[in-house]
Every structure is written in C-alpha cells, then in structure tokens.
C-alpha cells in the first residue's frame, strides 16, 4: 500500500511537469494524511521532489549549470491559494511590477488575503499573506483588483497621465468593463483615475 501511494503521488507530480508545486492537500484522495506525509518525505529524501517551504513541494526544473530553478511567484501563490482555500491579491511593489509600472521585483512579496496572516520563505524570497477585510480582496483574481493595489502603492498624489496611459494599454475589452463595475470597491480618491483608465482603454479599442 505504501509503495502504491508513493508511485501514484509521483506519477501525479510528474504528470504536471517540471516547475510544478504541490501541497499535501493535493493528494488527499490517495490515502490517509499520515501516509501522504510519509510518501512526500520519502520522495523528497530520494531527490525526486524538493521541499521548498513548510507544506510546499516542487518538481523543480533544472538548469545544466545553475541546478534547480526557483519556482515563480505566481506558481507559489497559486499553490498557497489552493492549499489554504483563500483569495489572494498582489499588492505593493509586486502589483506595480505586474502592471509594468516598476521594473523592481521585490524580495518580499505581499499578497492580501481573506485568510490568516502567513509568511512563506522560499530561498531568499519571502511571500507574506496579509489578512484584510473581504471587501479589500473582493476583486482578487481580476485586473481591476491588481490596478487598485498598484495605484494604492503609487499613492494618491503620485498617479499621473503616464501611469494611467500605461495601465490602459494592458486593459482588454472585458477587463475594461469589469473595471467600471468594480469602481464601487475603490476608495473615493481612486475612482476618477480608474474612470480615466477605462476611458483611455475604450478609446484605444
């Protein structure tokens, strides 16, 4: 039975391919929690998978010179979202980076969450899940939520035409419509900027 769980677990991991990330909850259908934990431990010790943080395992991509390639922030966040069953919304410098408003990729990445506060360290990267009100993450998973957090990071007095134009270029028709619908979720100072973004995006389509 133990070998069967080991093989099924490894087959599932390999099926998704190199660079994938897993949590113990991804294997609950294969057996008891303790048996899954042991199977993950054995596969880790055998070098087939890698434990990158508490409760997170990767099937790492390998570079011929550099060795294991660290998983992307997006891949890690999706694994955390699935494990904890929470909504996650990029914030701060990372939100600005995703919208190409900043070239800086921070070493400490903050995601707003409707779950508990949590910190995950993967190598030199620190990912922090920060608990906020449900309204603050209501637009999680949507471009509108990302835009609001990027504008918060820039600050009320520092949003300019360049910022508005840059964001508008990355907005599709459906995303523009969603942004307008999500205006109610934004603070009052931000709404005129969001309307300008929607208008510029509409003029470009």
N, C-alpha and C. Protein backbone atom coordinates (compact mmCIF):
# COMPACT_ATOMS: atom_id res chain seq x y z
N UNK A 1 0.84 -1.20 0.00
CA UNK A 1 0.00 0.00 0.00
C UNK A 1 0.87 1.24 0.00
N UNK A 2 1.96 1.23 0.83
CA UNK A 2 2.86 2.38 0.90
C UNK A 2 3.48 2.66 -0.45
N UNK A 3 3.98 1.63 -1.12
CA UNK A 3 4.59 1.80 -2.43
C UNK A 3 3.57 2.31 -3.44
N UNK A 4 2.34 1.83 -3.33
CA UNK A 4 1.29 2.25 -4.24
C UNK A 4 1.04 3.75 -4.12
N UNK A 5 0.96 4.26 -2.89
CA UNK A 5 0.76 5.69 -2.68
C UNK A 5 1.95 6.48 -3.21
N UNK A 6 3.16 5.99 -2.94
CA UNK A 6 4.37 6.66 -3.43
C UNK A 6 4.34 6.80 -4.95
N UNK A 7 3.99 5.72 -5.62
CA UNK A 7 4.01 5.73 -7.08
C UNK A 7 2.90 6.62 -7.65
N UNK A 8 1.72 6.54 -7.05
CA UNK A 8 0.60 7.36 -7.53
C UNK A 8 0.91 8.85 -7.33
N UNK A 9 1.47 9.16 -6.17
CA UNK A 9 1.82 10.54 -5.87
C UNK A 9 2.85 11.06 -6.87
N UNK A 10 3.90 10.29 -7.10
CA UNK A 10 4.96 10.71 -8.01
C UNK A 10 4.45 10.80 -9.44
N UNK A 11 3.58 9.88 -9.83
CA UNK A 11 3.02 9.90 -11.18
C UNK A 11 2.21 11.18 -11.40
N UNK A 12 1.46 11.58 -10.39
CA UNK A 12 0.65 12.80 -10.50
C UNK A 12 1.55 14.03 -10.61
N UNK A 13 2.60 14.06 -9.81
CA UNK A 13 3.54 15.19 -9.85
C UNK A 13 4.23 15.27 -11.21
N UNK A 14 4.71 14.15 -11.68
CA UNK A 14 5.41 14.14 -12.97
C UNK A 14 4.47 14.47 -14.12
N UNK A 15 3.20 14.14 -13.95
CA UNK A 15 2.22 14.41 -15.00
C UNK A 15 2.01 15.89 -15.25
N UNK A 16 2.14 16.69 -14.21
CA UNK A 16 2.00 18.14 -14.38
C UNK A 16 3.27 18.76 -14.93
N UNK A 17 4.39 18.10 -14.73
CA UNK A 17 5.63 18.56 -15.34
C UNK A 17 6.53 19.36 -14.44
N UNK A 18 7.74 19.61 -14.95
CA UNK A 18 8.75 20.35 -14.21
C UNK A 18 8.26 21.77 -13.88
N UNK A 19 8.64 22.24 -12.70
CA UNK A 19 8.27 23.57 -12.28
C UNK A 19 6.98 23.62 -11.48
N UNK A 20 6.28 22.49 -11.38
CA UNK A 20 5.01 22.48 -10.64
C UNK A 20 5.26 22.46 -9.14
N UNK A 21 4.27 22.94 -8.39
CA UNK A 21 4.34 22.99 -6.93
C UNK A 21 3.12 22.28 -6.35
N UNK A 22 3.35 21.60 -5.24
CA UNK A 22 2.31 20.77 -4.65
C UNK A 22 2.22 20.98 -3.15
N UNK A 23 1.05 20.67 -2.62
CA UNK A 23 0.84 20.68 -1.17
C UNK A 23 0.23 19.33 -0.79
N UNK A 24 0.33 18.93 0.46
CA UNK A 24 -0.26 17.65 0.87
C UNK A 24 -1.74 17.52 0.54
N UNK A 25 -2.46 18.63 0.55
CA UNK A 25 -3.90 18.57 0.26
C UNK A 25 -4.20 18.17 -1.18
N UNK A 26 -3.20 18.27 -2.05
CA UNK A 26 -3.41 17.86 -3.45
C UNK A 26 -3.51 16.34 -3.60
N UNK A 27 -3.22 15.61 -2.53
CA UNK A 27 -3.18 14.14 -2.63
C UNK A 27 -4.14 13.46 -1.65
N UNK A 28 -5.09 14.21 -1.13
CA UNK A 28 -5.98 13.65 -0.11
C UNK A 28 -6.78 12.45 -0.62
N UNK A 29 -6.96 12.36 -1.93
CA UNK A 29 -7.73 11.23 -2.48
C UNK A 29 -6.89 9.95 -2.57
N UNK A 30 -5.59 10.06 -2.31
CA UNK A 30 -4.71 8.89 -2.46
C UNK A 30 -4.56 8.08 -1.18
N UNK A 31 -4.93 8.66 -0.04
CA UNK A 31 -4.77 7.92 1.21
C UNK A 31 -4.89 8.81 2.43
N UNK A 32 -4.55 8.25 3.57
CA UNK A 32 -4.62 8.99 4.83
C UNK A 32 -3.54 10.07 4.88
N UNK A 33 -3.81 11.09 5.69
CA UNK A 33 -2.90 12.23 5.78
C UNK A 33 -1.48 11.80 6.17
N UNK A 34 -1.38 10.91 7.14
CA UNK A 34 -0.06 10.46 7.60
C UNK A 34 0.69 9.72 6.50
N UNK A 35 -0.04 8.90 5.74
CA UNK A 35 0.58 8.13 4.65
C UNK A 35 1.08 9.05 3.54
N UNK A 36 0.31 10.09 3.26
CA UNK A 36 0.72 11.06 2.23
C UNK A 36 1.96 11.82 2.69
N UNK A 37 1.99 12.21 3.96
CA UNK A 37 3.15 12.92 4.50
C UNK A 37 4.41 12.07 4.40
N UNK A 38 4.28 10.79 4.69
CA UNK A 38 5.43 9.89 4.60
C UNK A 38 5.87 9.70 3.15
N UNK A 39 4.89 9.61 2.24
CA UNK A 39 5.22 9.44 0.81
C UNK A 39 5.95 10.68 0.29
N UNK A 40 5.51 11.85 0.69
CA UNK A 40 6.19 13.08 0.29
C UNK A 40 7.61 13.12 0.86
N UNK A 41 7.74 12.70 2.11
CA UNK A 41 9.05 12.69 2.76
C UNK A 41 10.00 11.72 2.05
N UNK A 42 9.51 10.54 1.71
CA UNK A 42 10.37 9.55 1.05
C UNK A 42 10.81 10.03 -0.33
N UNK A 43 9.86 10.61 -1.08
CA UNK A 43 10.21 11.10 -2.42
C UNK A 43 11.17 12.28 -2.34
N UNK A 44 11.05 13.08 -1.27
CA UNK A 44 11.98 14.19 -1.06
C UNK A 44 13.38 13.68 -0.76
N UNK A 45 13.47 12.73 0.15
CA UNK A 45 14.78 12.16 0.52
C UNK A 45 15.44 11.46 -0.67
N UNK A 46 14.62 10.91 -1.56
CA UNK A 46 15.16 10.23 -2.75
C UNK A 46 15.57 11.21 -3.84
N UNK A 47 15.27 12.50 -3.62
CA UNK A 47 15.67 13.52 -4.59
C UNK A 47 14.75 13.66 -5.77
N UNK A 48 13.58 13.01 -5.72
CA UNK A 48 12.63 13.10 -6.84
C UNK A 48 11.87 14.41 -6.82
N UNK A 49 11.59 14.91 -5.63
CA UNK A 49 10.92 16.20 -5.46
C UNK A 49 11.70 17.00 -4.42
N UNK A 50 11.31 18.26 -4.22
CA UNK A 50 12.03 19.12 -3.29
C UNK A 50 11.06 19.83 -2.37
N UNK A 51 11.36 19.84 -1.09
CA UNK A 51 10.56 20.60 -0.13
C UNK A 51 11.08 22.02 -0.12
N UNK A 52 10.26 22.99 -0.57
CA UNK A 52 10.74 24.36 -0.69
C UNK A 52 10.31 25.25 0.48
N UNK A 53 9.31 24.80 1.21
CA UNK A 53 8.83 25.51 2.40
C UNK A 53 7.90 24.57 3.14
N UNK A 54 7.49 24.98 4.32
CA UNK A 54 6.59 24.13 5.11
C UNK A 54 5.30 23.88 4.33
N UNK A 55 5.03 22.61 4.02
CA UNK A 55 3.81 22.25 3.32
C UNK A 55 3.82 22.53 1.82
N UNK A 56 4.99 22.85 1.26
CA UNK A 56 5.10 23.11 -0.18
C UNK A 56 6.23 22.27 -0.77
N UNK A 57 5.90 21.58 -1.85
CA UNK A 57 6.88 20.72 -2.52
C UNK A 57 6.91 21.07 -4.01
N UNK A 58 8.09 20.99 -4.59
CA UNK A 58 8.21 21.30 -6.02
C UNK A 58 8.82 20.13 -6.78
N UNK A 59 8.47 20.10 -8.06
CA UNK A 59 9.12 19.19 -9.00
C UNK A 59 9.99 20.10 -9.86
N UNK A 60 11.19 20.39 -9.38
CA UNK A 60 11.96 21.51 -9.93
C UNK A 60 12.47 21.31 -11.35
N UNK A 61 12.49 22.44 -12.07
CA UNK A 61 13.19 22.48 -13.34
C UNK A 61 14.67 22.58 -13.02
N UNK A 62 15.48 22.01 -13.90
CA UNK A 62 16.92 22.03 -13.63
C UNK A 62 17.66 22.71 -14.77
N UNK A 63 18.58 23.58 -14.38
CA UNK A 63 19.45 24.25 -15.33
C UNK A 63 20.77 23.48 -15.37
N UNK A 64 21.36 23.27 -16.55
CA UNK A 64 22.60 22.47 -16.63
C UNK A 64 23.76 23.03 -15.82
N UNK A 65 23.76 24.34 -15.57
CA UNK A 65 24.85 24.96 -14.81
C UNK A 65 24.39 25.39 -13.42
N UNK A 66 23.22 26.04 -13.35
CA UNK A 66 22.75 26.62 -12.09
C UNK A 66 22.03 25.63 -11.19
N UNK A 67 21.64 24.48 -11.73
CA UNK A 67 20.92 23.50 -10.92
C UNK A 67 19.43 23.78 -10.88
N UNK A 68 18.81 23.56 -9.71
CA UNK A 68 17.37 23.76 -9.58
C UNK A 68 16.98 25.22 -9.82
N UNK A 69 15.95 25.41 -10.64
CA UNK A 69 15.43 26.75 -10.92
C UNK A 69 14.29 27.03 -9.95
N UNK A 70 14.36 28.16 -9.28
CA UNK A 70 13.33 28.50 -8.29
C UNK A 70 11.98 28.70 -8.98
N UNK A 71 10.90 28.22 -8.39
CA UNK A 71 9.57 28.41 -8.98
C UNK A 71 9.18 29.87 -8.98
N UNK A 72 8.30 30.25 -9.89
CA UNK A 72 7.87 31.64 -10.00
C UNK A 72 6.96 32.02 -8.83
N UNK A 73 6.87 33.32 -8.58
CA UNK A 73 5.99 33.83 -7.53
C UNK A 73 4.55 33.43 -7.83
N UNK A 74 4.17 33.51 -9.10
CA UNK A 74 2.80 33.18 -9.49
C UNK A 74 2.48 31.72 -9.19
N UNK A 75 3.43 30.83 -9.49
CA UNK A 75 3.22 29.41 -9.24
C UNK A 75 3.07 29.13 -7.74
N UNK A 76 3.92 29.78 -6.95
CA UNK A 76 3.85 29.59 -5.50
C UNK A 76 2.52 30.11 -4.94
N UNK A 77 2.11 31.29 -5.41
CA UNK A 77 0.87 31.89 -4.89
C UNK A 77 -0.34 31.03 -5.23
N UNK A 78 -0.36 30.44 -6.42
CA UNK A 78 -1.47 29.57 -6.80
C UNK A 78 -1.53 28.33 -5.91
N UNK A 79 -0.36 27.81 -5.56
CA UNK A 79 -0.32 26.64 -4.65
C UNK A 79 -0.83 27.02 -3.27
N UNK A 80 -0.43 28.19 -2.78
CA UNK A 80 -0.89 28.65 -1.46
C UNK A 80 -2.39 28.90 -1.47
N UNK A 81 -2.88 29.47 -2.56
CA UNK A 81 -4.31 29.74 -2.69
C UNK A 81 -5.11 28.44 -2.64
N UNK A 82 -4.62 27.42 -3.33
CA UNK A 82 -5.32 26.15 -3.34
C UNK A 82 -5.23 25.43 -2.01
N UNK A 83 -4.07 25.53 -1.38
CA UNK A 83 -3.88 24.85 -0.09
C UNK A 83 -4.75 25.44 0.99
N UNK A 84 -4.78 26.77 1.07
CA UNK A 84 -5.48 27.43 2.16
C UNK A 84 -6.91 27.82 1.83
N UNK A 85 -7.30 27.62 0.54
CA UNK A 85 -8.66 27.98 0.10
C UNK A 85 -8.98 29.43 0.44
N UNK A 86 -8.11 30.32 -0.02
CA UNK A 86 -8.27 31.75 0.24
C UNK A 86 -8.17 32.53 -1.06
N UNK A 87 -8.61 33.79 -1.01
CA UNK A 87 -8.41 34.69 -2.13
C UNK A 87 -7.10 35.44 -1.89
N UNK A 88 -6.32 35.60 -2.95
CA UNK A 88 -5.05 36.31 -2.84
C UNK A 88 -5.00 37.42 -3.88
N UNK A 89 -4.54 38.59 -3.45
CA UNK A 89 -4.44 39.74 -4.33
C UNK A 89 -3.07 40.37 -4.19
N UNK A 90 -2.27 40.39 -5.28
CA UNK A 90 -0.95 41.03 -5.20
C UNK A 90 -1.07 42.48 -4.78
N UNK A 91 -0.14 42.94 -3.97
CA UNK A 91 -0.19 44.33 -3.52
C UNK A 91 1.20 44.95 -3.53
N UNK A 92 1.25 46.23 -3.23
CA UNK A 92 2.53 46.91 -3.10
C UNK A 92 3.36 46.91 -4.37
N UNK A 93 4.68 46.80 -4.18
CA UNK A 93 5.62 46.87 -5.29
C UNK A 93 5.39 45.75 -6.31
N UNK A 94 4.92 44.59 -5.82
CA UNK A 94 4.70 43.47 -6.74
C UNK A 94 3.54 43.76 -7.68
N UNK A 95 2.47 44.39 -7.19
CA UNK A 95 1.34 44.76 -8.04
C UNK A 95 1.80 45.75 -9.11
N UNK A 96 2.62 46.73 -8.71
CA UNK A 96 3.15 47.70 -9.67
C UNK A 96 4.03 47.02 -10.71
N UNK A 97 4.82 46.05 -10.28
CA UNK A 97 5.68 45.33 -11.20
C UNK A 97 4.87 44.52 -12.22
N UNK A 98 3.80 43.88 -11.78
CA UNK A 98 2.97 43.08 -12.68
C UNK A 98 2.31 43.94 -13.75
N UNK A 99 2.07 45.21 -13.45
CA UNK A 99 1.47 46.14 -14.41
C UNK A 99 2.53 46.93 -15.17
N UNK A 100 3.79 46.54 -14.98
CA UNK A 100 4.93 47.17 -15.68
C UNK A 100 5.06 48.66 -15.32
N UNK A 101 4.63 49.02 -14.12
CA UNK A 101 4.83 50.38 -13.64
C UNK A 101 6.16 50.50 -12.92
N UNK A 102 6.74 49.38 -12.62
CA UNK A 102 8.03 49.32 -11.95
C UNK A 102 8.78 48.09 -12.44
N UNK A 103 10.08 48.23 -12.61
CA UNK A 103 10.90 47.10 -13.04
C UNK A 103 11.42 46.30 -11.86
N UNK A 104 11.20 46.81 -10.68
CA UNK A 104 11.71 46.16 -9.47
C UNK A 104 10.86 44.97 -9.08
N UNK A 105 11.51 43.81 -8.94
CA UNK A 105 10.84 42.63 -8.40
C UNK A 105 11.26 42.52 -6.94
N UNK A 106 10.38 42.81 -6.01
CA UNK A 106 10.78 42.85 -4.59
C UNK A 106 11.16 41.48 -4.05
N UNK A 107 12.08 41.47 -3.10
CA UNK A 107 12.47 40.23 -2.43
C UNK A 107 11.41 39.81 -1.42
N UNK A 108 10.58 40.75 -1.02
CA UNK A 108 9.47 40.47 -0.10
C UNK A 108 8.17 40.82 -0.83
N UNK A 109 7.40 39.81 -1.12
CA UNK A 109 6.17 39.98 -1.89
C UNK A 109 4.97 39.84 -0.96
N UNK A 110 4.05 40.79 -1.04
CA UNK A 110 2.88 40.77 -0.17
C UNK A 110 1.61 40.51 -0.98
N UNK A 111 0.85 39.53 -0.54
CA UNK A 111 -0.47 39.25 -1.10
C UNK A 111 -1.50 39.55 -0.02
N UNK A 112 -2.52 40.29 -0.37
CA UNK A 112 -3.64 40.48 0.55
C UNK A 112 -4.49 39.22 0.53
N UNK A 113 -5.06 38.87 1.66
CA UNK A 113 -5.76 37.59 1.78
C UNK A 113 -6.95 37.70 2.72
N UNK A 114 -7.97 36.90 2.46
CA UNK A 114 -9.08 36.81 3.40
C UNK A 114 -8.88 35.66 4.39
N UNK A 115 -7.69 35.08 4.35
CA UNK A 115 -7.32 34.04 5.31
C UNK A 115 -6.39 34.60 6.38
N UNK A 116 -5.80 33.73 7.19
CA UNK A 116 -4.93 34.20 8.27
C UNK A 116 -3.61 34.76 7.75
N UNK A 117 -2.98 35.58 8.59
CA UNK A 117 -1.63 36.07 8.26
C UNK A 117 -0.69 34.87 8.18
N UNK A 118 0.19 34.93 7.19
CA UNK A 118 1.11 33.80 7.00
C UNK A 118 2.35 34.29 6.27
N UNK A 119 3.46 33.69 6.56
CA UNK A 119 4.70 34.05 5.87
C UNK A 119 5.37 32.78 5.35
N UNK A 120 5.76 32.81 4.10
CA UNK A 120 6.41 31.66 3.47
C UNK A 120 7.75 32.11 2.91
N UNK A 121 8.81 31.40 3.25
CA UNK A 121 10.13 31.72 2.74
C UNK A 121 10.58 30.63 1.78
N UNK A 122 10.88 31.04 0.55
CA UNK A 122 11.37 30.11 -0.46
C UNK A 122 12.73 30.63 -0.93
N UNK A 123 13.79 30.06 -0.38
CA UNK A 123 15.11 30.59 -0.65
C UNK A 123 15.22 31.99 -0.07
N UNK A 124 15.62 32.96 -0.90
CA UNK A 124 15.74 34.35 -0.45
C UNK A 124 14.42 35.12 -0.58
N UNK A 125 13.46 34.49 -1.24
CA UNK A 125 12.16 35.14 -1.44
C UNK A 125 11.26 34.96 -0.22
N UNK A 126 10.64 36.05 0.21
CA UNK A 126 9.67 36.00 1.30
C UNK A 126 8.31 36.38 0.75
N UNK A 127 7.33 35.50 0.92
CA UNK A 127 5.96 35.78 0.50
C UNK A 127 5.11 35.90 1.75
N UNK A 128 4.49 37.05 1.88
CA UNK A 128 3.67 37.32 3.06
C UNK A 128 2.20 37.40 2.66
N UNK A 129 1.37 36.65 3.34
CA UNK A 129 -0.07 36.73 3.16
C UNK A 129 -0.62 37.60 4.29
N UNK A 130 -1.21 38.71 3.94
CA UNK A 130 -1.67 39.68 4.92
C UNK A 130 -3.19 39.70 4.97
N UNK A 131 -3.75 39.41 6.12
CA UNK A 131 -5.21 39.37 6.27
C UNK A 131 -5.80 40.77 6.17
N UNK A 132 -6.84 40.89 5.34
CA UNK A 132 -7.57 42.16 5.20
C UNK A 132 -9.06 41.85 5.17
N UNK A 133 -9.87 42.89 5.11
CA UNK A 133 -11.32 42.71 5.06
C UNK A 133 -11.72 42.06 3.74
N UNK A 134 -12.85 41.35 3.72
CA UNK A 134 -13.31 40.73 2.47
C UNK A 134 -13.48 41.72 1.32
N UNK A 135 -13.91 42.96 1.63
CA UNK A 135 -14.08 43.96 0.58
C UNK A 135 -12.78 44.26 -0.13
N UNK A 136 -11.69 44.28 0.61
CA UNK A 136 -10.38 44.64 0.03
C UNK A 136 -9.92 43.59 -0.99
N UNK A 137 -10.34 42.35 -0.83
CA UNK A 137 -9.94 41.31 -1.78
C UNK A 137 -11.10 40.86 -2.66
N UNK A 138 -12.17 41.65 -2.69
CA UNK A 138 -13.35 41.29 -3.49
C UNK A 138 -13.01 41.19 -4.97
N UNK A 139 -12.02 41.96 -5.42
CA UNK A 139 -11.62 41.93 -6.83
C UNK A 139 -10.38 41.08 -7.06
N UNK A 140 -10.06 40.20 -6.14
CA UNK A 140 -8.91 39.30 -6.30
C UNK A 140 -9.11 38.42 -7.54
N UNK A 141 -8.05 38.22 -8.29
CA UNK A 141 -8.13 37.41 -9.49
C UNK A 141 -8.58 38.19 -10.71
N UNK A 142 -8.84 39.49 -10.53
CA UNK A 142 -9.26 40.33 -11.65
C UNK A 142 -8.26 41.46 -11.85
N UNK A 143 -8.17 41.93 -13.09
CA UNK A 143 -7.26 43.03 -13.40
C UNK A 143 -7.61 44.27 -12.58
N UNK A 144 -8.89 44.48 -12.35
CA UNK A 144 -9.32 45.66 -11.58
C UNK A 144 -8.72 45.67 -10.18
N UNK A 145 -8.67 44.52 -9.54
CA UNK A 145 -8.08 44.43 -8.21
C UNK A 145 -6.59 44.75 -8.24
N UNK A 146 -5.91 44.24 -9.24
CA UNK A 146 -4.48 44.50 -9.39
C UNK A 146 -4.22 45.99 -9.62
N UNK A 147 -5.04 46.62 -10.45
CA UNK A 147 -4.89 48.05 -10.72
C UNK A 147 -5.07 48.88 -9.45
N UNK A 148 -6.10 48.55 -8.68
CA UNK A 148 -6.34 49.30 -7.44
C UNK A 148 -5.16 49.21 -6.49
N UNK A 149 -4.58 48.03 -6.37
CA UNK A 149 -3.45 47.87 -5.44
C UNK A 149 -2.21 48.59 -5.96
N UNK A 150 -2.02 48.60 -7.28
CA UNK A 150 -0.87 49.32 -7.85
C UNK A 150 -1.00 50.82 -7.62
N UNK A 151 -2.23 51.34 -7.75
CA UNK A 151 -2.45 52.77 -7.52
C UNK A 151 -2.29 53.11 -6.04
N UNK A 152 -2.74 52.23 -5.17
CA UNK A 152 -2.52 52.44 -3.73
C UNK A 152 -1.02 52.57 -3.45
N UNK A 153 -0.24 51.70 -4.09
CA UNK A 153 1.21 51.69 -3.87
C UNK A 153 1.83 53.00 -4.35
N UNK A 154 1.37 53.48 -5.51
CA UNK A 154 1.92 54.73 -6.02
C UNK A 154 1.53 55.92 -5.15
N UNK A 155 0.33 55.89 -4.61
CA UNK A 155 -0.11 56.96 -3.72
C UNK A 155 -1.01 57.97 -4.40
N UNK A 156 -1.92 58.52 -3.64
CA UNK A 156 -2.94 59.42 -4.17
C UNK A 156 -2.35 60.61 -4.92
N UNK A 157 -1.23 61.13 -4.47
CA UNK A 157 -0.66 62.33 -5.07
C UNK A 157 0.37 62.05 -6.16
N UNK A 158 0.55 60.77 -6.50
CA UNK A 158 1.61 60.44 -7.46
C UNK A 158 1.10 59.71 -8.71
N UNK A 159 -0.19 59.52 -8.81
CA UNK A 159 -0.76 58.92 -10.02
C UNK A 159 -0.84 60.01 -11.09
N UNK A 160 -0.24 59.76 -12.26
CA UNK A 160 -0.22 60.77 -13.31
C UNK A 160 -0.68 60.19 -14.64
N UNK A 161 -0.62 61.02 -15.69
CA UNK A 161 -1.07 60.59 -17.01
C UNK A 161 -0.27 59.41 -17.55
N UNK A 162 1.01 59.37 -17.23
CA UNK A 162 1.85 58.26 -17.68
C UNK A 162 1.38 56.94 -17.07
N UNK A 163 1.06 56.99 -15.79
CA UNK A 163 0.55 55.81 -15.10
C UNK A 163 -0.77 55.35 -15.72
N UNK A 164 -1.68 56.28 -15.91
CA UNK A 164 -3.00 55.97 -16.47
C UNK A 164 -2.87 55.40 -17.88
N UNK A 165 -2.00 56.00 -18.69
CA UNK A 165 -1.81 55.52 -20.06
C UNK A 165 -1.20 54.14 -20.11
N UNK A 166 -0.22 53.90 -19.25
CA UNK A 166 0.45 52.59 -19.24
C UNK A 166 -0.51 51.48 -18.85
N UNK A 167 -1.35 51.73 -17.86
CA UNK A 167 -2.32 50.71 -17.42
C UNK A 167 -3.38 50.50 -18.49
N UNK A 168 -3.85 51.58 -19.10
CA UNK A 168 -4.90 51.48 -20.12
C UNK A 168 -4.48 50.59 -21.29
N UNK A 169 -3.19 50.62 -21.64
CA UNK A 169 -2.69 49.81 -22.76
C UNK A 169 -2.84 48.32 -22.51
N UNK A 170 -2.80 47.92 -21.25
CA UNK A 170 -2.85 46.49 -20.92
C UNK A 170 -4.26 45.99 -20.64
N UNK A 171 -5.24 46.86 -20.86
CA UNK A 171 -6.62 46.53 -20.49
C UNK A 171 -7.41 46.07 -21.72
N UNK A 172 -7.96 44.85 -21.65
CA UNK A 172 -8.81 44.35 -22.71
C UNK A 172 -10.24 44.83 -22.55
N UNK A 173 -11.08 44.50 -23.52
CA UNK A 173 -12.48 44.96 -23.51
C UNK A 173 -13.23 44.47 -22.28
N UNK A 174 -13.10 43.18 -21.98
CA UNK A 174 -13.79 42.60 -20.82
C UNK A 174 -13.24 43.17 -19.52
N UNK A 175 -11.92 43.37 -19.48
CA UNK A 175 -11.30 43.91 -18.27
C UNK A 175 -11.72 45.36 -18.04
N UNK A 176 -11.90 46.09 -19.13
CA UNK A 176 -12.36 47.48 -19.01
C UNK A 176 -13.78 47.51 -18.42
N UNK A 177 -14.63 46.63 -18.91
CA UNK A 177 -16.00 46.55 -18.40
C UNK A 177 -16.01 46.17 -16.92
N UNK A 178 -15.14 45.22 -16.56
CA UNK A 178 -15.06 44.78 -15.17
C UNK A 178 -14.55 45.90 -14.27
N UNK A 179 -13.60 46.68 -14.78
CA UNK A 179 -13.06 47.80 -14.01
C UNK A 179 -14.15 48.80 -13.66
N UNK A 180 -15.01 49.09 -14.62
CA UNK A 180 -16.12 50.02 -14.39
C UNK A 180 -17.08 49.46 -13.35
N UNK A 181 -17.35 48.15 -13.44
CA UNK A 181 -18.25 47.52 -12.47
C UNK A 181 -17.66 47.50 -11.07
N UNK A 182 -16.33 47.48 -10.98
CA UNK A 182 -15.67 47.38 -9.68
C UNK A 182 -15.32 48.73 -9.06
N UNK A 183 -15.75 49.81 -9.69
CA UNK A 183 -15.46 51.15 -9.15
C UNK A 183 -15.93 51.29 -7.70
N UNK A 184 -17.03 50.63 -7.37
CA UNK A 184 -17.60 50.73 -6.02
C UNK A 184 -16.65 50.17 -4.96
N UNK A 185 -15.72 49.34 -5.38
CA UNK A 185 -14.80 48.73 -4.42
C UNK A 185 -13.59 49.62 -4.13
N UNK A 186 -13.42 50.66 -4.92
CA UNK A 186 -12.25 51.53 -4.79
C UNK A 186 -12.52 52.69 -3.85
N UNK A 187 -11.47 53.20 -3.20
CA UNK A 187 -11.65 54.40 -2.38
C UNK A 187 -12.02 55.60 -3.26
N UNK A 188 -12.64 56.60 -2.68
CA UNK A 188 -13.15 57.73 -3.46
C UNK A 188 -12.07 58.43 -4.28
N UNK A 189 -10.88 58.61 -3.70
CA UNK A 189 -9.83 59.33 -4.42
C UNK A 189 -9.37 58.62 -5.69
N UNK A 190 -9.55 57.30 -5.71
CA UNK A 190 -9.06 56.50 -6.82
C UNK A 190 -10.03 56.42 -7.99
N UNK A 191 -11.30 56.63 -7.75
CA UNK A 191 -12.32 56.41 -8.78
C UNK A 191 -12.12 57.27 -10.03
N UNK A 192 -11.80 58.55 -9.90
CA UNK A 192 -11.55 59.34 -11.12
C UNK A 192 -10.41 58.78 -11.97
N UNK A 193 -9.38 58.26 -11.32
CA UNK A 193 -8.25 57.67 -12.05
C UNK A 193 -8.69 56.40 -12.77
N UNK A 194 -9.49 55.60 -12.10
CA UNK A 194 -9.97 54.36 -12.70
C UNK A 194 -10.88 54.65 -13.90
N UNK A 195 -11.69 55.68 -13.78
CA UNK A 195 -12.56 56.09 -14.90
C UNK A 195 -11.71 56.56 -16.08
N UNK A 196 -10.64 57.29 -15.80
CA UNK A 196 -9.74 57.75 -16.86
C UNK A 196 -9.07 56.57 -17.56
N UNK A 197 -8.66 55.58 -16.78
CA UNK A 197 -8.06 54.37 -17.36
C UNK A 197 -9.05 53.67 -18.28
N UNK A 198 -10.29 53.52 -17.81
CA UNK A 198 -11.33 52.87 -18.61
C UNK A 198 -11.61 53.66 -19.89
N UNK A 199 -11.64 54.97 -19.79
CA UNK A 199 -11.91 55.80 -20.95
C UNK A 199 -10.80 55.70 -21.99
N UNK A 200 -9.54 55.73 -21.53
CA UNK A 200 -8.40 55.61 -22.44
C UNK A 200 -8.37 54.24 -23.10
N UNK A 201 -8.70 53.20 -22.32
CA UNK A 201 -8.71 51.85 -22.87
C UNK A 201 -9.83 51.71 -23.89
N UNK A 202 -10.99 52.35 -23.62
CA UNK A 202 -12.10 52.31 -24.54
C UNK A 202 -11.80 53.03 -25.85
N UNK A 203 -11.08 54.14 -25.76
CA UNK A 203 -10.72 54.91 -26.95
C UNK A 203 -9.75 54.16 -27.85
N UNK A 204 -8.95 53.26 -27.21
CA UNK A 204 -7.94 52.53 -27.96
C UNK A 204 -8.49 51.29 -28.64
N UNK A 205 -9.71 50.88 -28.29
CA UNK A 205 -10.28 49.65 -28.87
C UNK A 205 -11.25 49.98 -29.99
